[in-house]
PDB file of N, CA and C in Angstrom:
ATOM      1  N   MET A   1     -13.651  -2.285  -4.916  1.00  0.00           N
ATOM      2  CA  MET A   1     -12.497  -2.976  -4.270  1.00  0.00           C
ATOM      3  C   MET A   1     -12.118  -4.891  -4.942  1.00  0.00           C
ATOM      4  N   GLU A   2     -10.705  -4.768  -5.428  1.00  0.00           N
ATOM      5  CA  GLU A   2     -11.445  -5.995  -5.979  1.00  0.00           C
ATOM      6  C   GLU A   2      -9.953  -6.790  -4.973  1.00  0.00           C
ATOM      7  N   LYS A   3     -11.288  -8.641  -5.047  1.00  0.00           N
ATOM      8  CA  LYS A   3     -11.029  -9.456  -4.084  1.00  0.00           C
ATOM      9  C   LYS A   3      -9.978 -10.711  -5.165  1.00  0.00           C
ATOM     10  N   ILE A   4      -8.995 -10.692  -4.737  1.00  0.00           N
ATOM     11  CA  ILE A   4      -8.269 -12.012  -5.415  1.00  0.00           C
ATOM     12  C   ILE A   4      -8.182 -13.297  -5.144  1.00  0.00           C
ATOM     13  N   GLN A   5      -7.739 -14.652  -5.321  1.00  0.00           N
ATOM     14  CA  GLN A   5      -7.062 -15.477  -4.933  1.00  0.00           C
ATOM     15  C   GLN A   5      -6.098 -15.555  -4.318  1.00  0.00           C
ATOM     16  N   PHE A   6      -5.586 -16.302  -3.748  1.00  0.00           N
ATOM     17  CA  PHE A   6      -4.539 -16.505  -4.046  1.00  0.00           C
ATOM     18  C   PHE A   6      -4.047 -18.237  -3.425  1.00  0.00           C
ATOM     19  N   GLN A   7      -3.135 -19.148  -4.004  1.00  0.00           N
ATOM     20  CA  GLN A   7      -3.404 -19.816  -3.910  1.00  0.00           C
ATOM     21  C   GLN A   7      -1.862 -20.578  -3.541  1.00  0.00           C
ATOM     22  N   THR A   8      -1.701 -20.787  -1.677  1.00  0.00           N
ATOM     23  CA  THR A   8      -0.092 -20.895  -0.988  1.00  0.00           C
ATOM     24  C   THR A   8       0.279 -21.875  -1.408  1.00  0.00           C
ATOM     25  N   ASP A   9       1.152 -22.238  -0.743  1.00  0.00           N
ATOM     26  CA  ASP A   9       2.020 -23.458  -1.097  1.00  0.00           C
ATOM     27  C   ASP A   9       1.492 -24.866  -0.460  1.00  0.00           C
ATOM     28  N   SER A  10       0.961 -24.752   0.412  1.00  0.00           N
ATOM     29  CA  SER A  10       0.682 -26.336   0.756  1.00  0.00           C
ATOM     30  C   SER A  10      -1.216 -26.663   0.275  1.00  0.00           C
ATOM     31  N   GLY A  11      -1.049 -25.759  -1.224  1.00  0.00           N
ATOM     32  CA  GLY A  11      -2.633 -25.776  -1.420  1.00  0.00           C
ATOM     33  C   GLY A  11      -3.980 -25.188  -1.444  1.00  0.00           C
ATOM     34  N   ASP A  12      -3.979 -24.137  -0.408  1.00  0.00           N
ATOM     35  CA  ASP A  12      -5.336 -24.332   0.281  1.00  0.00           C
ATOM     36  C   ASP A  12      -5.076 -22.485  -0.695  1.00  0.00           C
ATOM     37  N   VAL A  13      -6.671 -21.969  -0.672  1.00  0.00           N
ATOM     38  CA  VAL A  13      -6.572 -20.553  -1.294  1.00  0.00           C
ATOM     39  C   VAL A  13      -7.157 -19.400  -0.497  1.00  0.00           C
ATOM     40  N   ALA A  14      -6.235 -18.869  -0.521  1.00  0.00           N
ATOM     41  CA  ALA A  14      -6.518 -17.682   0.504  1.00  0.00           C
ATOM     42  C   ALA A  14      -6.709 -15.969  -0.312  1.00  0.00           C
ATOM     43  N   GLU A  15      -7.598 -15.930   0.554  1.00  0.00           N
ATOM     44  CA  GLU A  15      -8.897 -14.503  -0.417  1.00  0.00           C
ATOM     45  C   GLU A  15      -8.331 -12.909   0.022  1.00  0.00           C
ATOM     46  N   PHE A  16      -7.462 -11.994  -0.628  1.00  0.00           N
ATOM     47  CA  PHE A  16      -7.561 -11.091   0.184  1.00  0.00           C
ATOM     48  C   PHE A  16      -7.873  -9.555  -1.246  1.00  0.00           C
ATOM     49  N   PHE A  17      -8.179  -8.957  -0.790  1.00  0.00           N
ATOM     50  CA  PHE A  17      -8.338  -7.428  -1.207  1.00  0.00           C
ATOM     51  C   PHE A  17      -7.351  -6.648  -1.861  1.00  0.00           C
ATOM     52  N   VAL A  18      -7.701  -6.242  -2.939  1.00  0.00           N
ATOM     53  CA  VAL A  18      -6.551  -5.583  -3.190  1.00  0.00           C
ATOM     54  C   VAL A  18      -6.175  -3.651  -2.655  1.00  0.00           C
ATOM     55  N   GLU A  19      -5.406  -3.153  -2.008  1.00  0.00           N
ATOM     56  CA  GLU A  19      -5.573  -2.085  -1.436  1.00  0.00           C
ATOM     57  C   GLU A  19      -5.212  -0.463  -2.881  1.00  0.00           C
ATOM     58  N   GLU A  20      -3.530  -1.264  -3.138  1.00  0.00           N
ATOM     59  CA  GLU A  20      -3.032  -0.562  -3.826  1.00  0.00           C
ATOM     60  C   GLU A  20      -2.333  -1.064  -4.735  1.00  0.00           C
ATOM     61  N   GLN A  21      -1.297  -0.808  -5.863  1.00  0.00           N
ATOM     62  CA  GLN A  21      -0.384  -1.578  -6.598  1.00  0.00           C
ATOM     63  C   GLN A  21       0.715  -0.577  -6.679  1.00  0.00           C
ATOM     64  N   THR A  22       1.988  -1.010  -7.016  1.00  0.00           N
ATOM     65  CA  THR A  22       3.037  -0.263  -7.842  1.00  0.00           C
ATOM     66  C   THR A  22       4.520  -0.627  -8.174  1.00  0.00           C
ATOM     67  N   SER A  23       4.781  -0.186  -8.466  1.00  0.00           N
ATOM     68  CA  SER A  23       6.249  -0.955  -9.617  1.00  0.00           C
ATOM     69  C   SER A  23       7.324  -0.184  -9.106  1.00  0.00           C
ATOM     70  N   ILE A  24       8.157  -0.784  -8.486  1.00  0.00           N
ATOM     71  CA  ILE A  24       9.645   0.190  -8.309  1.00  0.00           C
ATOM     72  C   ILE A  24      10.553  -0.834  -8.686  1.00  0.00           C
ATOM     73  N   ALA A  25      11.527  -0.339  -9.688  1.00  0.00           N
ATOM     74  CA  ALA A  25      12.263  -0.750 -10.746  1.00  0.00           C
ATOM     75  C   ALA A  25      12.064  -1.997 -11.750  1.00  0.00           C
ATOM     76  N   GLY A  26      10.839  -2.126 -12.088  1.00  0.00           N
ATOM     77  CA  GLY A  26      10.458  -2.988 -12.602  1.00  0.00           C
ATOM     78  C   GLY A  26       9.724  -3.988 -12.406  1.00  0.00           C
ATOM     79  N   THR A  27       9.732  -4.204 -10.910  1.00  0.00           N
ATOM     80  CA  THR A  27       8.855  -5.040  -9.661  1.00  0.00           C
ATOM     81  C   THR A  27       7.304  -5.288 -10.014  1.00  0.00           C
ATOM     82  N   THR A  28       6.511  -5.585  -9.365  1.00  0.00           N
ATOM     83  CA  THR A  28       5.485  -4.938  -9.463  1.00  0.00           C
ATOM     84  C   THR A  28       5.462  -5.511  -7.882  1.00  0.00           C
ATOM     85  N   TYR A  29       4.661  -4.668  -7.107  1.00  0.00           N
ATOM     86  CA  TYR A  29       4.140  -5.096  -5.723  1.00  0.00           C
ATOM     87  C   TYR A  29       2.665  -4.657  -5.768  1.00  0.00           C
ATOM     88  N   LEU A  30       2.040  -5.518  -4.527  1.00  0.00           N
ATOM     89  CA  LEU A  30       0.248  -5.232  -3.846  1.00  0.00           C
ATOM     90  C   LEU A  30       0.473  -5.104  -2.957  1.00  0.00           C
ATOM     91  N   LEU A  31      -0.217  -4.540  -1.919  1.00  0.00           N
ATOM     92  CA  LEU A  31      -0.462  -4.385  -0.829  1.00  0.00           C
ATOM     93  C   LEU A  31      -2.192  -4.858  -0.759  1.00  0.00           C
ATOM     94  N   VAL A  32      -2.260  -6.009  -0.048  1.00  0.00           N
ATOM     95  CA  VAL A  32      -2.901  -6.237   0.010  1.00  0.00           C
ATOM     96  C   VAL A  32      -4.313  -6.326   1.784  1.00  0.00           C
ATOM     97  N   SER A  33      -5.209  -6.659   1.729  1.00  0.00           N
ATOM     98  CA  SER A  33      -5.659  -6.890   2.946  1.00  0.00           C
ATOM     99  C   SER A  33      -6.919  -7.993   2.636  1.00  0.00           C
ATOM    100  N   ASP A  34      -6.947  -8.477   4.567  1.00  0.00           N
ATOM    101  CA  ASP A  34      -7.515  -9.530   4.307  1.00  0.00           C
ATOM    102  C   ASP A  34      -9.133  -9.576   5.133  1.00  0.00           C
ATOM    103  N   SER A  35      -9.315  -8.025   4.843  1.00  0.00           N
ATOM    104  CA  SER A  35     -10.404  -7.298   5.891  1.00  0.00           C
ATOM    105  C   SER A  35     -10.787  -5.939   5.283  1.00  0.00           C
ATOM    106  N   GLN A  36     -11.619  -5.236   5.004  1.00  0.00           N
ATOM    107  CA  GLN A  36     -12.221  -3.965   4.247  1.00  0.00           C
ATOM    108  C   GLN A  36     -12.412  -3.203   6.214  1.00  0.00           C
ATOM    109  N   GLU A  37     -12.554  -4.389   7.007  1.00  0.00           N
ATOM    110  CA  GLU A  37     -12.663  -3.269   8.210  1.00  0.00           C
ATOM    111  C   GLU A  37     -11.117  -2.325   8.670  1.00  0.00           C
ATOM    112  N   ASP A  38     -10.928  -1.328   9.743  1.00  0.00           N
ATOM    113  CA  ASP A  38     -10.545  -0.786   9.668  1.00  0.00           C
ATOM    114  C   ASP A  38      -9.156  -1.687   9.978  1.00  0.00           C
ATOM    115  N   GLU A  39      -9.634  -2.190  10.882  1.00  0.00           N
ATOM    116  CA  GLU A  39      -8.257  -3.075  11.782  1.00  0.00           C
ATOM    117  C   GLU A  39      -7.682  -3.763  10.923  1.00  0.00           C
ATOM    118  N   ALA A  40      -7.811  -4.437   9.432  1.00  0.00           N
ATOM    119  CA  ALA A  40      -7.537  -5.470   9.481  1.00  0.00           C
ATOM    120  C   ALA A  40      -5.877  -5.533   9.419  1.00  0.00           C
ATOM    121  N   SER A  41      -5.704  -6.422   8.512  1.00  0.00           N
ATOM    122  CA  SER A  41      -4.196  -6.471   8.712  1.00  0.00           C
ATOM    123  C   SER A  41      -3.906  -7.266   6.826  1.00  0.00           C
ATOM    124  N   ALA A  42      -2.447  -6.113   6.661  1.00  0.00           N
ATOM    125  CA  ALA A  42      -2.606  -6.239   5.673  1.00  0.00           C
ATOM    126  C   ALA A  42      -0.795  -6.310   5.466  1.00  0.00           C
ATOM    127  N   TYR A  43      -0.848  -6.851   4.073  1.00  0.00           N
ATOM    128  CA  TYR A  43       0.375  -7.899   3.088  1.00  0.00           C
ATOM    129  C   TYR A  43       0.679  -7.227   1.895  1.00  0.00           C
ATOM    130  N   ILE A  44       2.249  -7.222   2.077  1.00  0.00           N
ATOM    131  CA  ILE A  44       2.669  -6.726   0.777  1.00  0.00           C
ATOM    132  C   ILE A  44       3.251  -7.474   0.423  1.00  0.00           C
ATOM    133  N   MET A  45       2.888  -8.131  -1.158  1.00  0.00           N
ATOM    134  CA  MET A  45       2.952  -8.673  -1.890  1.00  0.00           C
ATOM    135  C   MET A  45       4.218  -9.039  -3.187  1.00  0.00           C
ATOM    136  N   ARG A  46       5.036  -9.142  -3.703  1.00  0.00           N
ATOM    137  CA  ARG A  46       5.865  -9.304  -4.484  1.00  0.00           C
ATOM    138  C   ARG A  46       5.674  -9.918  -5.506  1.00  0.00           C
ATOM    139  N   ASP A  47       5.250  -9.302  -7.100  1.00  0.00           N
ATOM    140  CA  ASP A  47       5.633 -10.595  -8.081  1.00  0.00           C
ATOM    141  C   ASP A  47       6.429 -10.923  -8.544  1.00  0.00           C
ATOM    142  N   VAL A  48       6.722 -12.234  -8.690  1.00  0.00           N
ATOM    143  CA  VAL A  48       8.049 -13.358  -8.914  1.00  0.00           C
ATOM    144  C   VAL A  48       7.586 -13.903 -10.368  1.00  0.00           C
ATOM    145  N   SER A  49       6.534 -13.777 -11.487  1.00  0.00           N
ATOM    146  CA  SER A  49       6.024 -13.981 -11.876  1.00  0.00           C
ATOM    147  C   SER A  49       6.808 -14.670 -13.327  1.00  0.00           C
ATOM    148  N   GLU A  50       7.194 -15.183 -13.842  1.00  0.00           N
ATOM    149  CA  GLU A  50       8.056 -15.322 -15.668  1.00  0.00           C
ATOM    150  C   GLU A  50       7.030 -14.253 -16.430  1.00  0.00           C
ATOM    151  N   PRO A  51       8.485 -13.523 -16.913  1.00  0.00           N
ATOM    152  CA  PRO A  51       7.746 -12.260 -17.914  1.00  0.00           C
ATOM    153  C   PRO A  51       6.723 -12.975 -18.632  1.00  0.00           C
ATOM    154  N   ASP A  52       6.591 -14.086 -19.321  1.00  0.00           N
ATOM    155  CA  ASP A  52       6.326 -14.933 -20.742  1.00  0.00           C
ATOM    156  C   ASP A  52       4.752 -16.043 -19.941  1.00  0.00           C
ATOM    157  N   SER A  53       4.324 -16.000 -18.244  1.00  0.00           N
ATOM    158  CA  SER A  53       3.826 -16.644 -17.332  1.00  0.00           C
ATOM    159  C   SER A  53       2.198 -15.913 -17.713  1.00  0.00           C
ATOM    160  N   GLU A  54       1.183 -17.116 -18.265  1.00  0.00           N
ATOM    161  CA  GLU A  54       0.250 -15.890 -18.134  1.00  0.00           C
ATOM    162  C   GLU A  54      -0.490 -16.184 -16.563  1.00  0.00           C
ATOM    163  N   ASP A  55      -0.524 -16.764 -15.645  1.00  0.00           N
ATOM    164  CA  ASP A  55      -0.893 -16.610 -14.377  1.00  0.00           C
ATOM    165  C   ASP A  55       0.404 -15.603 -13.290  1.00  0.00           C
ATOM    166  N   ALA A  56      -0.177 -14.714 -12.592  1.00  0.00           N
ATOM    167  CA  ALA A  56       0.040 -14.099 -11.946  1.00  0.00           C
ATOM    168  C   ALA A  56       1.265 -15.363 -10.360  1.00  0.00           C
ATOM    169  N   CYS A  57       2.734 -14.484 -10.268  1.00  0.00           N
ATOM    170  CA  CYS A  57       3.165 -15.759  -8.905  1.00  0.00           C
ATOM    171  C   CYS A  57       2.713 -14.461  -8.232  1.00  0.00           C
ATOM    172  N   TYR A  58       2.904 -14.504  -6.950  1.00  0.00           N
ATOM    173  CA  TYR A  58       3.579 -13.366  -5.495  1.00  0.00           C
ATOM    174  C   TYR A  58       3.754 -13.996  -4.433  1.00  0.00           C
ATOM    175  N   VAL A  59       4.222 -13.852  -4.117  1.00  0.00           N
ATOM    176  CA  VAL A  59       5.265 -13.848  -2.774  1.00  0.00           C
ATOM    177  C   VAL A  59       5.231 -13.187  -1.428  1.00  0.00           C
ATOM    178  N   MET A  60       4.560 -12.924  -0.593  1.00  0.00           N
ATOM    179  CA  MET A  60       5.112 -11.878   0.779  1.00  0.00           C
ATOM    180  C   MET A  60       6.858 -10.997   0.995  1.00  0.00           C
ATOM    181  N   VAL A  61       6.287 -10.247   0.644  1.00  0.00           N
ATOM    182  CA  VAL A  61       7.831  -9.656   1.377  1.00  0.00           C
ATOM    183  C   VAL A  61       8.615  -9.412   2.943  1.00  0.00           C
ATOM    184  N   GLU A  62       9.305 -10.726   2.789  1.00  0.00           N
ATOM    185  CA  GLU A  62       9.739 -10.646   4.247  1.00  0.00           C
ATOM    186  C   GLU A  62      10.886  -9.607   4.967  1.00  0.00           C
ATOM    187  N   ASP A  63      11.833  -9.114   3.590  1.00  0.00           N
ATOM    188  CA  ASP A  63      13.451  -8.650   4.086  1.00  0.00           C
ATOM    189  C   ASP A  63      12.474  -7.656   4.531  1.00  0.00           C
ATOM    190  N   PRO A  64      13.536  -7.284   5.721  1.00  0.00           N
ATOM    191  CA  PRO A  64      12.961  -5.639   6.634  1.00  0.00           C
ATOM    192  C   PRO A  64      12.959  -4.568   5.384  1.00  0.00           C
ATOM    193  N   GLU A  65      14.451  -4.525   4.898  1.00  0.00           N
ATOM    194  CA  GLU A  65      14.902  -3.358   4.083  1.00  0.00           C
ATOM    195  C   GLU A  65      13.868  -3.344   3.080  1.00  0.00           C
ATOM    196  N   GLU A  66      13.324  -4.733   2.436  1.00  0.00           N
ATOM    197  CA  GLU A  66      12.522  -3.877   1.434  1.00  0.00           C
ATOM    198  C   GLU A  66      11.694  -3.917   2.089  1.00  0.00           C
ATOM    199  N   PHE A  67      10.587  -4.506   3.372  1.00  0.00           N
ATOM    200  CA  PHE A  67       8.867  -4.146   3.736  1.00  0.00           C
ATOM    201  C   PHE A  67       9.257  -2.848   3.798  1.00  0.00           C
ATOM    202  N   GLN A  68      10.813  -2.315   3.629  1.00  0.00           N
ATOM    203  CA  GLN A  68      10.771  -0.413   4.968  1.00  0.00           C
ATOM    204  C   GLN A  68      10.322   0.165   3.566  1.00  0.00           C
ATOM    205  N   ALA A  69      11.047   0.097   2.363  1.00  0.00           N
ATOM    206  CA  ALA A  69      10.809   1.087   1.587  1.00  0.00           C
ATOM    207  C   ALA A  69       9.741   0.491   0.340  1.00  0.00           C
ATOM    208  N   VAL A  70       9.120  -0.281   0.206  1.00  0.00           N
ATOM    209  CA  VAL A  70       7.752  -0.643   0.322  1.00  0.00           C
ATOM    210  C   VAL A  70       7.229  -0.096   0.426  1.00  0.00           C
ATOM    211  N   SER A  71       6.494   0.232   1.841  1.00  0.00           N
ATOM    212  CA  SER A  71       5.612   0.570   3.616  1.00  0.00           C
ATOM    213  C   SER A  71       6.195   1.580   2.385  1.00  0.00           C
ATOM    214  N   ARG A  72       7.436   2.078   3.420  1.00  0.00           N
ATOM    215  CA  ARG A  72       6.567   3.842   2.767  1.00  0.00           C
ATOM    216  C   ARG A  72       6.543   4.357   1.409  1.00  0.00           C
ATOM    217  N   ILE A  73       6.318   3.631   0.146  1.00  0.00           N
ATOM    218  CA  ILE A  73       5.619   4.322  -0.994  1.00  0.00           C
ATOM    219  C   ILE A  73       4.509   3.949  -1.317  1.00  0.00           C
ATOM    220  N   PHE A  74       4.522   2.443  -0.346  1.00  0.00           N
ATOM    221  CA  PHE A  74       1.865   2.167   0.013  1.00  0.00           C
ATOM    222  C   PHE A  74       2.181   3.951   1.112  1.00  0.00           C
ATOM    223  N   GLU A  75       2.964   3.566   1.585  1.00  0.00           N
ATOM    224  CA  GLU A  75       2.619   5.141   3.431  1.00  0.00           C
ATOM    225  C   GLU A  75       1.659   6.487   2.328  1.00  0.00           C
ATOM    226  N   GLN A  76       2.726   7.162   1.632  1.00  0.00           N
ATOM    227  CA  GLN A  76       2.853   8.033   0.466  1.00  0.00           C
ATOM    228  C   GLN A  76       1.688   8.487  -0.330  1.00  0.00           C
ATOM    229  N   MET A  77       0.885   6.381  -0.753  1.00  0.00           N
ATOM    230  CA  MET A  77       0.276   6.584  -1.983  1.00  0.00           C
ATOM    231  C   MET A  77      -0.835   6.944  -1.169  1.00  0.00           C
ATOM    232  N   LEU A  78      -1.203   6.286  -0.259  1.00  0.00           N
ATOM    233  CA  LEU A  78      -2.509   6.715   0.401  1.00  0.00           C
ATOM    234  C   LEU A  78      -2.260   7.242   2.157  1.00  0.00           C
ATOM    235  N   GLU A  79      -3.499   7.340   2.677  1.00  0.00           N
ATOM    236  CA  GLU A  79      -4.164   7.892   3.697  1.00  0.00           C
ATOM    237  C   GLU A  79      -3.358   7.547   4.993  1.00  0.00           C
ATOM    238  N   ASN A  80      -3.610   8.123   6.081  1.00  0.00           N
ATOM    239  CA  ASN A  80      -4.027   7.265   7.769  1.00  0.00           C
ATOM    240  C   ASN A  80      -3.403   6.111   7.642  1.00  0.00           C
ATOM    241  N   VAL A  81      -2.620   5.552   6.864  1.00  0.00           N
ATOM    242  CA  VAL A  81      -1.798   3.700   7.436  1.00  0.00           C
ATOM    243  C   VAL A  81      -0.600   3.764   7.862  1.00  0.00           C
ATOM    244  N   ASP A  82      -0.174   3.230   8.492  1.00  0.00           N
ATOM    245  CA  ASP A  82       1.380   2.689   9.084  1.00  0.00           C
ATOM    246  C   ASP A  82       1.008   1.568   8.842  1.00  0.00           C
ATOM    247  N   PHE A  83       2.153   0.836   8.640  1.00  0.00           N
ATOM    248  CA  PHE A  83       3.322  -0.507   8.867  1.00  0.00           C
ATOM    249  C   PHE A  83       3.952  -0.748   9.785  1.00  0.00           C
ATOM    250  N   GLU A  84       3.786  -1.709  10.486  1.00  0.00           N
ATOM    251  CA  GLU A  84       4.433  -1.861  11.338  1.00  0.00           C
ATOM    252  C   GLU A  84       5.002  -3.693  10.868  1.00  0.00           C
ATOM    253  N   MET A  85       6.104  -4.205   9.977  1.00  0.00           N
ATOM    254  CA  MET A  85       6.674  -5.934  10.345  1.00  0.00           C
ATOM    255  C   MET A  85       6.220  -6.294  11.744  1.00  0.00           C
ATOM    256  N   GLU A  86       5.849  -7.356  11.537  1.00  0.00           N
ATOM    257  CA  GLU A  86       5.634  -8.733  12.888  1.00  0.00           C
ATOM    258  C   GLU A  86       6.447  -9.488  12.153  1.00  0.00           C
ATOM    259  N   GLU A  87       7.330  -9.975  13.059  1.00  0.00           N
ATOM    260  CA  GLU A  87       8.283 -11.192  13.719  1.00  0.00           C
ATOM    261  C   GLU A  87       7.866 -12.695  13.756  1.00  0.00           C
ATOM    262  N   LYS A  88       8.072 -13.537  12.548  1.00  0.00           N
ATOM    263  CA  LYS A  88       7.424 -14.593  12.556  1.00  0.00           C
ATOM    264  C   LYS A  88       7.467 -15.273  14.150  1.00  0.00           C
ATOM    265  N   VAL A  89       6.736 -16.348  14.276  1.00  0.00           N
ATOM    266  CA  VAL A  89       6.644 -17.079  15.168  1.00  0.00           C
ATOM    267  C   VAL A  89       7.105 -18.259  14.822  1.00  0.00           C
TER     268      VAL A  89
END
């Protein structure tokens, strides 16, 4: 499984494992996890890169409707996966 690094808004580096990738209406989404363990936290990331950019730019999907739609796609692609959107505190 591919492990990639993301630079956060604060400049820190976060590493995630890419579980799956899909494209919906021309937008690329990644399903990433923070661990390869069974109870890992998973996140859906949306590609917001400029078309001619050399670097990819991803943001976490935070809109509940977008999250539900994309998570249904990933649930169909993967077996034994259930998604829950956690509220930010």
